[in-house]
Amino acid sequence: MSFTRTNVAVHVSDEVATAVAQGRPVVALESTIFTHGLPRPRNLEVALEAEANLRAQGVIPATIGVFAGVPTVGLSTEQIRELSNEDAVTKVSLRDLPVAAALQSHGGTTVAATAFLAHKAGIRVFSTGGLGGVHHGAATTFDESADMTTLAHTPIIVVSAGVKSILDVAATLERFETLNIPVVGYKTHKYPGFYVSDSGFEIEYAVETPDEVAAISSARDALEIDSAILLANPISEEKQLPPEELDDILSRAWAQAEQNGISGNDTTPFLLDFIQRDTRGRSLDVNVDVYRGNVILGGEVAMALTR
């Protein structure tokens, strides 16, 4: 099934379109994790494992990306494989969708673009790894992720492990409040910091079951509120990076960035690469564990929404 807006067709796979129409559980998955977030061949393995885990739960996976200029909800295995192995894949946020479509580019969709396309296709749950947020120094640089403003008017449930520890977590939580985006902890009042289960910041609300998440979603829809619900699902303490080690790494990473004159859009890739190299790849293992847990929880929430 395809629908067209100003000569740009968004393709929704037959499987996903049928599942949505029949009220069956569907979970959206982003593509930047395998186009930009993980090295080969692990990126493809993780992408296919996520889909397999959802299917094992009785949930339809809808991996979203841009393939040859076509925003696609429900990439095929062949398309996922090509995007995973193609060098010329751009990172596509919401602002970039029309550019990628017009230039017929391959693109890995970010949280913002994925949430937008998922909602357009009628999907109610989206599992990702971590969210974008407010960067340090944003008071002067205005460096904030488009994820936040997009989710402020995209009524979907987003399952994540919080925001990465390199961001300004306190400012990010304040922005979520300003944008009327509720943050709900899954079995916790401690906001996770992606690599760690506790970022050091408390959140007001917590739920114990997927059914409670579904109830919040139903209440939001009944009130006709159009913001996302952020379900914060922390990695277990056994699998997290030791918090003291991460603090030390970040301190040295920021110092190295300053010494090297790294700033602006180059900062985040530099810091993440520093963490990966300093942990000898253990941060990638945490990244995968985080994503795996969020995908499984997303499937449980999608199932709850059908009950």
C-alpha atoms as a PDB file:
ATOM      1  CA  MET A   1       0.000   0.000   0.000  1.00  0.00           C
ATOM      2  CA  SER A   2       1.235   3.497  -0.827  1.00  0.00           C
ATOM      3  CA  PHE A   3      -0.159   6.912  -0.051  1.00  0.00           C
ATOM      4  CA  THR A   4       0.926  10.106  -1.732  1.00  0.00           C
ATOM      5  CA  ARG A   5       1.517  13.626  -0.411  1.00  0.00           C
ATOM      6  CA  THR A   6       2.630  16.306  -2.896  1.00  0.00           C
ATOM      7  CA  ASN A   7       4.085  13.754  -5.292  1.00  0.00           C
ATOM      8  CA  VAL A   8       6.074  11.906  -2.600  1.00  0.00           C
ATOM      9  CA  ALA A   9       4.908   8.354  -2.055  1.00  0.00           C
ATOM     10  CA  VAL A  10       5.390   6.761   1.350  1.00  0.00           C
ATOM     11  CA  HIS A  11       5.409   3.007   0.943  1.00  0.00           C
ATOM     12  CA  VAL A  12       3.882   0.829   3.647  1.00  0.00           C
ATOM     13  CA  SER A  13       4.496  -2.889   3.179  1.00  0.00           C
ATOM     14  CA  ASP A  14       1.437  -5.064   2.628  1.00  0.00           C
ATOM     15  CA  GLU A  15       2.190  -7.003   5.812  1.00  0.00           C
ATOM     16  CA  VAL A  16       2.350  -3.872   7.969  1.00  0.00           C
ATOM     17  CA  ALA A  17      -0.669  -2.233   6.324  1.00  0.00           C
ATOM     18  CA  THR A  18      -2.767  -5.371   6.806  1.00  0.00           C
ATOM     19  CA  ALA A  19      -1.703  -5.769  10.441  1.00  0.00           C
ATOM     20  CA  VAL A  20      -2.539  -2.139  11.242  1.00  0.00           C
ATOM     21  CA  ALA A  21      -5.923  -2.400   9.488  1.00  0.00           C
ATOM     22  CA  GLN A  22      -6.754  -5.566  11.425  1.00  0.00           C
ATOM     23  CA  GLY A  23      -5.686  -4.107  14.781  1.00  0.00           C
ATOM     24  CA  ARG A  24      -2.836  -6.570  15.206  1.00  0.00           C
ATOM     25  CA  PRO A  25       0.290  -5.618  17.201  1.00  0.00           C
ATOM     26  CA  VAL A  26       2.977  -3.770  15.237  1.00  0.00           C
ATOM     27  CA  VAL A  27       6.226  -2.193  16.447  1.00  0.00           C
ATOM     28  CA  ALA A  28       8.207   0.363  14.463  1.00  0.00           C
ATOM     29  CA  LEU A  29      12.006   0.108  14.383  1.00  0.00           C
ATOM     30  CA  GLU A  30      14.438   2.780  13.208  1.00  0.00           C
ATOM     31  CA  SER A  31      17.172   2.186  10.659  1.00  0.00           C
ATOM     32  CA  THR A  32      20.007   4.454  11.840  1.00  0.00           C
ATOM     33  CA  ILE A  33      21.074   1.780  14.312  1.00  0.00           C
ATOM     34  CA  PHE A  34      22.178  -0.411  11.417  1.00  0.00           C
ATOM     35  CA  THR A  35      23.084   2.303   8.903  1.00  0.00           C
ATOM     36  CA  HIS A  36      25.156   4.455  11.267  1.00  0.00           C
ATOM     37  CA  GLY A  37      25.151   3.095  14.814  1.00  0.00           C
ATOM     38  CA  LEU A  38      26.858  -0.293  14.608  1.00  0.00           C
ATOM     39  CA  PRO A  39      29.816  -1.691  12.647  1.00  0.00           C
ATOM     40  CA  ARG A  40      29.467  -4.375   9.982  1.00  0.00           C
ATOM     41  CA  PRO A  41      28.484  -7.192  10.072  1.00  0.00           C
ATOM     42  CA  ARG A  42      27.004  -6.728  13.532  1.00  0.00           C
ATOM     43  CA  ASN A  43      24.634  -4.042  12.280  1.00  0.00           C
ATOM     44  CA  LEU A  44      22.780  -6.444  10.000  1.00  0.00           C
ATOM     45  CA  GLU A  45      22.727  -9.185  12.638  1.00  0.00           C
ATOM     46  CA  VAL A  46      21.131  -6.828  15.172  1.00  0.00           C
ATOM     47  CA  ALA A  47      18.569  -5.524  12.673  1.00  0.00           C
ATOM     48  CA  LEU A  48      17.425  -8.998  11.690  1.00  0.00           C
ATOM     49  CA  GLU A  49      17.464 -10.231  15.296  1.00  0.00           C
ATOM     50  CA  ALA A  50      15.166  -7.385  16.348  1.00  0.00           C
ATOM     51  CA  GLU A  51      12.627  -8.366  13.707  1.00  0.00           C
ATOM     52  CA  ALA A  52      12.912 -12.061  14.630  1.00  0.00           C
ATOM     53  CA  ASN A  53      12.390 -11.315  18.334  1.00  0.00           C
ATOM     54  CA  LEU A  54       9.200  -9.391  17.574  1.00  0.00           C
ATOM     55  CA  ARG A  55       7.858 -12.145  15.344  1.00  0.00           C
ATOM     56  CA  ALA A  56       8.545 -14.666  18.113  1.00  0.00           C
ATOM     57  CA  GLN A  57       6.265 -12.556  20.323  1.00  0.00           C
ATOM     58  CA  GLY A  58       3.514 -12.587  17.703  1.00  0.00           C
ATOM     59  CA  VAL A  59       4.230  -8.962  16.753  1.00  0.00           C
ATOM     60  CA  ILE A  60       4.766  -7.583  13.245  1.00  0.00           C
ATOM     61  CA  PRO A  61       8.046  -5.634  12.881  1.00  0.00           C
ATOM     62  CA  ALA A  62       8.039  -2.462  10.794  1.00  0.00           C
ATOM     63  CA  THR A  63      11.618  -1.393  10.158  1.00  0.00           C
ATOM     64  CA  ILE A  64      11.545   2.111   8.711  1.00  0.00           C
ATOM     65  CA  GLY A  65      14.014   3.791   6.379  1.00  0.00           C
ATOM     66  CA  VAL A  66      14.396   5.564   3.052  1.00  0.00           C
ATOM     67  CA  PHE A  67      15.177   3.267   0.152  1.00  0.00           C
ATOM     68  CA  ALA A  68      16.174   4.917  -3.135  1.00  0.00           C
ATOM     69  CA  GLY A  69      14.237   8.007  -2.139  1.00  0.00           C
ATOM     70  CA  VAL A  70      11.120   6.181  -0.984  1.00  0.00           C
ATOM     71  CA  PRO A  71      10.250   6.567   2.714  1.00  0.00           C
ATOM     72  CA  THR A  72       9.387   2.976   3.582  1.00  0.00           C
ATOM     73  CA  VAL A  73       7.468   1.562   6.541  1.00  0.00           C
ATOM     74  CA  GLY A  74       8.291  -2.139   6.627  1.00  0.00           C
ATOM     75  CA  LEU A  75      11.605  -2.582   4.827  1.00  0.00           C
ATOM     76  CA  SER A  76      12.127  -6.021   3.318  1.00  0.00           C
ATOM     77  CA  THR A  77      15.023  -8.221   4.447  1.00  0.00           C
ATOM     78  CA  GLU A  78      16.752  -7.524   1.146  1.00  0.00           C
ATOM     79  CA  GLN A  79      16.364  -3.765   1.627  1.00  0.00           C
ATOM     80  CA  ILE A  80      17.679  -3.957   5.201  1.00  0.00           C
ATOM     81  CA  ARG A  81      20.650  -5.967   3.959  1.00  0.00           C
ATOM     82  CA  GLU A  82      21.430  -3.415   1.218  1.00  0.00           C
ATOM     83  CA  LEU A  83      21.163  -0.424   3.557  1.00  0.00           C
ATOM     84  CA  SER A  84      23.374  -2.240   6.084  1.00  0.00           C
ATOM     85  CA  ASN A  85      26.143  -2.729   3.540  1.00  0.00           C
ATOM     86  CA  GLU A  86      25.874   0.496   1.539  1.00  0.00           C
ATOM     87  CA  ASP A  87      28.341   3.301   2.262  1.00  0.00           C
ATOM     88  CA  ALA A  88      26.301   6.064   0.636  1.00  0.00           C
ATOM     89  CA  VAL A  89      23.471   6.106   3.195  1.00  0.00           C
ATOM     90  CA  THR A  90      22.616   9.456   4.745  1.00  0.00           C
ATOM     91  CA  LYS A  91      21.233  10.004   8.233  1.00  0.00           C
ATOM     92  CA  VAL A  92      17.699  11.271   7.696  1.00  0.00           C
ATOM     93  CA  SER A  93      15.842  13.292  10.314  1.00  0.00           C
ATOM     94  CA  LEU A  94      12.390  14.737   9.696  1.00  0.00           C
ATOM     95  CA  ARG A  95      13.744  17.858   7.981  1.00  0.00           C
ATOM     96  CA  ASP A  96      15.766  15.654   5.597  1.00  0.00           C
ATOM     97  CA  LEU A  97      12.911  13.468   4.349  1.00  0.00           C
ATOM     98  CA  PRO A  98      11.926  15.699   1.412  1.00  0.00           C
ATOM     99  CA  VAL A  99      15.577  16.107   0.404  1.00  0.00           C
ATOM    100  CA  ALA A 100      16.217  12.354   0.457  1.00  0.00           C
ATOM    101  CA  ALA A 101      13.006  11.752  -1.476  1.00  0.00           C
ATOM    102  CA  ALA A 102      13.775  14.343  -4.128  1.00  0.00           C
ATOM    103  CA  LEU A 103      17.373  13.176  -4.573  1.00  0.00           C
ATOM    104  CA  GLN A 104      16.342   9.499  -4.491  1.00  0.00           C
ATOM    105  CA  SER A 105      18.854   8.768  -1.741  1.00  0.00           C
ATOM    106  CA  HIS A 106      19.187   5.844   0.627  1.00  0.00           C
ATOM    107  CA  GLY A 107      18.630   6.961   4.206  1.00  0.00           C
ATOM    108  CA  GLY A 108      18.681   5.673   7.748  1.00  0.00           C
ATOM    109  CA  THR A 109      15.851   7.332   9.650  1.00  0.00           C
ATOM    110  CA  THR A 110      16.424   8.897  13.061  1.00  0.00           C
ATOM    111  CA  VAL A 111      13.969   8.827  15.956  1.00  0.00           C
ATOM    112  CA  ALA A 112      12.218  11.943  14.618  1.00  0.00           C
ATOM    113  CA  ALA A 113      11.770  10.669  11.065  1.00  0.00           C
ATOM    114  CA  THR A 114      10.906   7.140  12.185  1.00  0.00           C
ATOM    115  CA  ALA A 115       8.261   8.329  14.653  1.00  0.00           C
ATOM    116  CA  PHE A 116       6.729  10.610  12.019  1.00  0.00           C
ATOM    117  CA  LEU A 117       6.476   7.851   9.399  1.00  0.00           C
ATOM    118  CA  ALA A 118       5.299   5.244  11.909  1.00  0.00           C
ATOM    119  CA  HIS A 119       2.465   7.489  13.070  1.00  0.00           C
ATOM    120  CA  LYS A 120       1.484   8.248   9.464  1.00  0.00           C
ATOM    121  CA  ALA A 121       1.172   4.500   8.901  1.00  0.00           C
ATOM    122  CA  GLY A 122      -1.003   4.034  11.990  1.00  0.00           C
ATOM    123  CA  ILE A 123       1.633   2.330  14.148  1.00  0.00           C
ATOM    124  CA  ARG A 124       1.282   3.041  17.872  1.00  0.00           C
ATOM    125  CA  VAL A 125       4.565   1.731  19.340  1.00  0.00           C
ATOM    126  CA  PHE A 126       8.165   2.489  18.389  1.00  0.00           C
ATOM    127  CA  SER A 127      11.227   0.871  19.990  1.00  0.00           C
ATOM    128  CA  THR A 128      14.625   2.515  19.770  1.00  0.00           C
ATOM    129  CA  GLY A 129      17.880   2.587  21.702  1.00  0.00           C
ATOM    130  CA  GLY A 130      18.335   6.119  22.998  1.00  0.00           C
ATOM    131  CA  LEU A 131      16.687   9.473  22.356  1.00  0.00           C
ATOM    132  CA  GLY A 132      18.205  12.723  21.254  1.00  0.00           C
ATOM    133  CA  GLY A 133      18.059  15.635  23.659  1.00  0.00           C
ATOM    134  CA  VAL A 134      19.672  18.878  24.751  1.00  0.00           C
ATOM    135  CA  HIS A 135      23.419  19.113  24.254  1.00  0.00           C
ATOM    136  CA  HIS A 136      25.785  20.699  26.739  1.00  0.00           C
ATOM    137  CA  GLY A 137      26.174  24.378  25.987  1.00  0.00           C
ATOM    138  CA  ALA A 138      22.815  24.586  24.219  1.00  0.00           C
ATOM    139  CA  ALA A 139      22.079  27.886  25.966  1.00  0.00           C
ATOM    140  CA  THR A 140      24.497  29.504  23.512  1.00  0.00           C
ATOM    141  CA  THR A 141      24.645  26.986  20.634  1.00  0.00           C
ATOM    142  CA  PHE A 142      20.910  26.110  20.564  1.00  0.00           C
ATOM    143  CA  ASP A 143      22.018  22.521  19.884  1.00  0.00           C
ATOM    144  CA  GLU A 144      18.939  20.420  20.594  1.00  0.00           C
ATOM    145  CA  SER A 145      17.757  17.274  18.889  1.00  0.00           C
ATOM    146  CA  ALA A 146      14.797  17.447  16.523  1.00  0.00           C
ATOM    147  CA  ASP A 147      13.573  14.275  18.252  1.00  0.00           C
ATOM    148  CA  MET A 148      12.079  16.384  21.031  1.00  0.00           C
ATOM    149  CA  THR A 149      10.062  18.842  18.966  1.00  0.00           C
ATOM    150  CA  THR A 150       8.847  16.084  16.650  1.00  0.00           C
ATOM    151  CA  LEU A 151       7.694  13.900  19.537  1.00  0.00           C
ATOM    152  CA  ALA A 152       5.846  16.893  20.996  1.00  0.00           C
ATOM    153  CA  HIS A 153       3.261  16.481  18.225  1.00  0.00           C
ATOM    154  CA  THR A 154       3.506  12.786  17.332  1.00  0.00           C
ATOM    155  CA  PRO A 155       1.156  10.630  19.437  1.00  0.00           C
ATOM    156  CA  ILE A 156       3.108   7.397  19.637  1.00  0.00           C
ATOM    157  CA  ILE A 157       4.651   5.339  22.451  1.00  0.00           C
ATOM    158  CA  VAL A 158       8.451   5.460  22.279  1.00  0.00           C
ATOM    159  CA  VAL A 159      10.366   2.813  24.204  1.00  0.00           C
ATOM    160  CA  SER A 160      13.951   3.880  24.894  1.00  0.00           C
ATOM    161  CA  ALA A 161      16.688   3.680  27.510  1.00  0.00           C
ATOM    162  CA  GLY A 162      16.659   7.431  28.034  1.00  0.00           C
ATOM    163  CA  VAL A 163      19.197   9.742  26.433  1.00  0.00           C
ATOM    164  CA  LYS A 164      22.903   9.102  26.065  1.00  0.00           C
ATOM    165  CA  SER A 165      25.028  10.246  28.981  1.00  0.00           C
ATOM    166  CA  ILE A 166      26.967  12.670  26.758  1.00  0.00           C
ATOM    167  CA  LEU A 167      23.866  14.923  26.685  1.00  0.00           C
ATOM    168  CA  ASP A 168      22.592  17.404  29.248  1.00  0.00           C
ATOM    169  CA  VAL A 169      20.101  15.085  30.935  1.00  0.00           C
ATOM    170  CA  ALA A 170      18.689  17.688  33.330  1.00  0.00           C
ATOM    171  CA  ALA A 171      18.017  20.170  30.519  1.00  0.00           C
ATOM    172  CA  THR A 172      16.532  17.413  28.360  1.00  0.00           C
ATOM    173  CA  LEU A 173      14.030  16.429  31.043  1.00  0.00           C
ATOM    174  CA  GLU A 174      13.100  20.089  31.491  1.00  0.00           C
ATOM    175  CA  ARG A 175      12.480  20.405  27.752  1.00  0.00           C
ATOM    176  CA  PHE A 176      10.288  17.296  27.755  1.00  0.00           C
ATOM    177  CA  GLU A 177       8.192  18.943  30.465  1.00  0.00           C
ATOM    178  CA  THR A 178       7.957  22.209  28.547  1.00  0.00           C
ATOM    179  CA  LEU A 179       6.902  20.332  25.406  1.00  0.00           C
ATOM    180  CA  ASN A 180       4.220  18.402  27.338  1.00  0.00           C
ATOM    181  CA  ILE A 181       5.868  15.055  26.634  1.00  0.00           C
ATOM    182  CA  PRO A 182       5.285  12.651  29.541  1.00  0.00           C
ATOM    183  CA  VAL A 183       8.233  10.535  30.661  1.00  0.00           C
ATOM    184  CA  VAL A 184       7.250   7.268  32.352  1.00  0.00           C
ATOM    185  CA  GLY A 185       9.740   4.864  33.891  1.00  0.00           C
ATOM    186  CA  TYR A 186       9.251   1.149  33.395  1.00  0.00           C
ATOM    187  CA  LYS A 187       9.456  -0.283  36.909  1.00  0.00           C
ATOM    188  CA  THR A 188      11.606   2.659  38.010  1.00  0.00           C
ATOM    189  CA  HIS A 189      11.498   6.309  39.041  1.00  0.00           C
ATOM    190  CA  LYS A 190      15.151   6.724  38.050  1.00  0.00           C
ATOM    191  CA  TYR A 191      15.687   8.125  34.576  1.00  0.00           C
ATOM    192  CA  PRO A 192      18.111   5.841  32.699  1.00  0.00           C
ATOM    193  CA  GLY A 193      21.224   7.178  30.991  1.00  0.00           C
ATOM    194  CA  PHE A 194      21.431   4.682  28.126  1.00  0.00           C
ATOM    195  CA  TYR A 195      24.788   3.119  29.072  1.00  0.00           C
ATOM    196  CA  VAL A 196      23.769   3.160  32.747  1.00  0.00           C
ATOM    197  CA  SER A 197      20.515   2.266  34.448  1.00  0.00           C
ATOM    198  CA  ASP A 198      20.401   5.479  36.499  1.00  0.00           C
ATOM    199  CA  SER A 199      21.397   8.874  35.097  1.00  0.00           C
ATOM    200  CA  GLY A 200      21.095  10.416  38.554  1.00  0.00           C
ATOM    201  CA  PHE A 201      17.769  12.104  37.836  1.00  0.00           C
ATOM    202  CA  GLU A 202      14.345  11.165  39.155  1.00  0.00           C
ATOM    203  CA  ILE A 203      11.171  11.006  37.072  1.00  0.00           C
ATOM    204  CA  GLU A 204       7.713  11.468  38.466  1.00  0.00           C
ATOM    205  CA  TYR A 205       5.830   8.556  36.956  1.00  0.00           C
ATOM    206  CA  ALA A 206       6.438   4.825  36.783  1.00  0.00           C
ATOM    207  CA  VAL A 207       4.447   1.812  35.592  1.00  0.00           C
ATOM    208  CA  GLU A 208       4.784  -1.854  36.414  1.00  0.00           C
ATOM    209  CA  THR A 209       3.140  -3.550  33.420  1.00  0.00           C
ATOM    210  CA  PRO A 210       2.631  -3.101  29.662  1.00  0.00           C
ATOM    211  CA  ASP A 211      -1.107  -2.904  30.341  1.00  0.00           C
ATOM    212  CA  GLU A 212      -0.562   0.251  32.388  1.00  0.00           C
ATOM    213  CA  VAL A 213       1.333   1.771  29.469  1.00  0.00           C
ATOM    214  CA  ALA A 214      -1.559   0.879  27.174  1.00  0.00           C
ATOM    215  CA  ALA A 215      -3.997   2.506  29.601  1.00  0.00           C
ATOM    216  CA  ILE A 216      -1.987   5.756  29.605  1.00  0.00           C
ATOM    217  CA  SER A 217      -1.945   5.698  25.807  1.00  0.00           C
ATOM    218  CA  SER A 218      -5.695   5.203  25.642  1.00  0.00           C
ATOM    219  CA  ALA A 219      -6.264   8.067  28.073  1.00  0.00           C
ATOM    220  CA  ARG A 220      -4.022  10.362  26.031  1.00  0.00           C
ATOM    221  CA  ASP A 221      -5.899   9.501  22.851  1.00  0.00           C
ATOM    222  CA  ALA A 222      -9.284  10.029  24.521  1.00  0.00           C
ATOM    223  CA  LEU A 223      -8.113  13.488  25.595  1.00  0.00           C
ATOM    224  CA  GLU A 224      -6.899  14.163  22.043  1.00  0.00           C
ATOM    225  CA  ILE A 225      -3.412  15.057  23.228  1.00  0.00           C
ATOM    226  CA  ASP A 226      -0.953  14.722  20.354  1.00  0.00           C
ATOM    227  CA  SER A 227       2.374  14.254  22.157  1.00  0.00           C
ATOM    228  CA  ALA A 228       4.358  11.044  22.413  1.00  0.00           C
ATOM    229  CA  ILE A 229       4.627   8.973  25.574  1.00  0.00           C
ATOM    230  CA  LEU A 230       8.248   8.238  26.456  1.00  0.00           C
ATOM    231  CA  LEU A 231       8.634   4.880  28.171  1.00  0.00           C
ATOM    232  CA  ALA A 232      12.041   4.821  29.858  1.00  0.00           C
ATOM    233  CA  ASN A 233      13.323   1.256  30.078  1.00  0.00           C
ATOM    234  CA  PRO A 234      16.691   1.012  31.870  1.00  0.00           C
ATOM    235  CA  ILE A 235      19.323  -1.562  31.089  1.00  0.00           C
ATOM    236  CA  SER A 236      19.907  -3.932  33.999  1.00  0.00           C
ATOM    237  CA  GLU A 237      22.697  -3.056  36.416  1.00  0.00           C
ATOM    238  CA  GLU A 238      24.419  -6.325  35.520  1.00  0.00           C
ATOM    239  CA  LYS A 239      24.750  -5.281  31.864  1.00  0.00           C
ATOM    240  CA  GLN A 240      25.404  -1.540  32.221  1.00  0.00           C
ATOM    241  CA  LEU A 241      28.768   0.143  31.946  1.00  0.00           C
ATOM    242  CA  PRO A 242      30.066   0.752  35.480  1.00  0.00           C
ATOM    243  CA  PRO A 243      28.900   4.315  36.259  1.00  0.00           C
ATOM    244  CA  GLU A 244      32.227   5.374  37.790  1.00  0.00           C
ATOM    245  CA  GLU A 245      34.068   4.130  34.706  1.00  0.00           C
ATOM    246  CA  LEU A 246      31.705   5.993  32.388  1.00  0.00           C
ATOM    247  CA  ASP A 247      32.124   9.222  34.376  1.00  0.00           C
ATOM    248  CA  ASP A 248      35.898   8.922  34.054  1.00  0.00           C
ATOM    249  CA  ILE A 249      35.691   8.194  30.325  1.00  0.00           C
ATOM    250  CA  LEU A 250      33.385  11.144  29.695  1.00  0.00           C
ATOM    251  CA  SER A 251      35.647  13.482  31.646  1.00  0.00           C
ATOM    252  CA  ARG A 252      38.634  12.476  29.527  1.00  0.00           C
ATOM    253  CA  ALA A 253      36.576  12.517  26.313  1.00  0.00           C
ATOM    254  CA  TRP A 254      35.389  16.089  26.887  1.00  0.00           C
ATOM    255  CA  ALA A 255      38.937  17.196  27.701  1.00  0.00           C
ATOM    256  CA  GLN A 256      40.247  15.574  24.522  1.00  0.00           C
ATOM    257  CA  ALA A 257      37.472  17.163  22.454  1.00  0.00           C
ATOM    258  CA  GLU A 258      38.357  20.600  23.800  1.00  0.00           C
ATOM    259  CA  GLN A 259      42.057  20.017  23.190  1.00  0.00           C
ATOM    260  CA  ASN A 260      41.344  18.932  19.599  1.00  0.00           C
ATOM    261  CA  GLY A 261      39.021  21.852  18.941  1.00  0.00           C
ATOM    262  CA  ILE A 262      36.043  19.567  18.365  1.00  0.00           C
ATOM    263  CA  SER A 263      32.721  21.429  18.415  1.00  0.00           C
ATOM    264  CA  GLY A 264      29.226  21.545  16.928  1.00  0.00           C
ATOM    265  CA  ASN A 265      27.947  18.533  15.022  1.00  0.00           C
ATOM    266  CA  ASP A 266      31.348  16.830  15.303  1.00  0.00           C
ATOM    267  CA  THR A 267      31.125  16.583  19.091  1.00  0.00           C
ATOM    268  CA  THR A 268      28.676  13.691  19.455  1.00  0.00           C
ATOM    269  CA  PRO A 269      30.415  11.321  16.984  1.00  0.00           C
ATOM    270  CA  PHE A 270      33.753  12.145  18.601  1.00  0.00           C
ATOM    271  CA  LEU A 271      32.517  11.407  22.119  1.00  0.00           C
ATOM    272  CA  LEU A 272      30.773   8.174  21.134  1.00  0.00           C
ATOM    273  CA  ASP A 273      33.853   6.986  19.243  1.00  0.00           C
ATOM    274  CA  PHE A 274      36.027   7.845  22.260  1.00  0.00           C
ATOM    275  CA  ILE A 275      33.760   5.796  24.535  1.00  0.00           C
ATOM    276  CA  GLN A 276      33.819   2.838  22.135  1.00  0.00           C
ATOM    277  CA  ARG A 277      37.596   2.855  21.802  1.00  0.00           C
ATOM    278  CA  ASP A 278      38.212   3.389  25.518  1.00  0.00           C
ATOM    279  CA  THR A 279      35.924   0.510  26.493  1.00  0.00           C
ATOM    280  CA  ARG A 280      37.400  -1.693  23.747  1.00  0.00           C
ATOM    281  CA  GLY A 281      33.988  -2.203  22.246  1.00  0.00           C
ATOM    282  CA  ARG A 282      32.095  -2.934  25.457  1.00  0.00           C
ATOM    283  CA  SER A 283      29.943   0.148  24.867  1.00  0.00           C
ATOM    284  CA  LEU A 284      28.707  -1.472  21.658  1.00  0.00           C
ATOM    285  CA  ASP A 285      27.688  -4.559  23.630  1.00  0.00           C
ATOM    286  CA  VAL A 286      25.712  -2.320  25.985  1.00  0.00           C
ATOM    287  CA  ASN A 287      24.174  -0.552  22.988  1.00  0.00           C
ATOM    288  CA  VAL A 288      22.944  -3.887  21.613  1.00  0.00           C
ATOM    289  CA  ASP A 289      21.646  -5.074  24.998  1.00  0.00           C
ATOM    290  CA  VAL A 290      19.760  -1.790  25.432  1.00  0.00           C
ATOM    291  CA  TYR A 291      18.163  -2.095  22.008  1.00  0.00           C
ATOM    292  CA  ARG A 292      17.274  -5.754  22.485  1.00  0.00           C
ATOM    293  CA  GLY A 293      15.482  -5.015  25.757  1.00  0.00           C
ATOM    294  CA  ASN A 294      13.556  -2.094  24.283  1.00  0.00           C
ATOM    295  CA  VAL A 295      12.424  -4.125  21.290  1.00  0.00           C
ATOM    296  CA  ILE A 296      11.080  -6.888  23.520  1.00  0.00           C
ATOM    297  CA  LEU A 297       9.296  -4.416  25.795  1.00  0.00           C
ATOM    298  CA  GLY A 298       7.882  -2.635  22.757  1.00  0.00           C
ATOM    299  CA  GLY A 299       6.427  -5.929  21.600  1.00  0.00           C
ATOM    300  CA  GLU A 300       4.802  -6.476  24.992  1.00  0.00           C
ATOM    301  CA  VAL A 301       3.280  -2.992  24.926  1.00  0.00           C
ATOM    302  CA  ALA A 302       1.986  -3.513  21.375  1.00  0.00           C
ATOM    303  CA  MET A 303       0.352  -6.741  22.510  1.00  0.00           C
ATOM    304  CA  ALA A 304      -1.210  -4.933  25.473  1.00  0.00           C
ATOM    305  CA  LEU A 305      -2.698  -2.306  23.157  1.00  0.00           C
ATOM    306  CA  THR A 306      -4.631  -5.014  21.325  1.00  0.00           C
ATOM    307  CA  ARG A 307      -6.216  -6.370  24.503  1.00  0.00           C
END
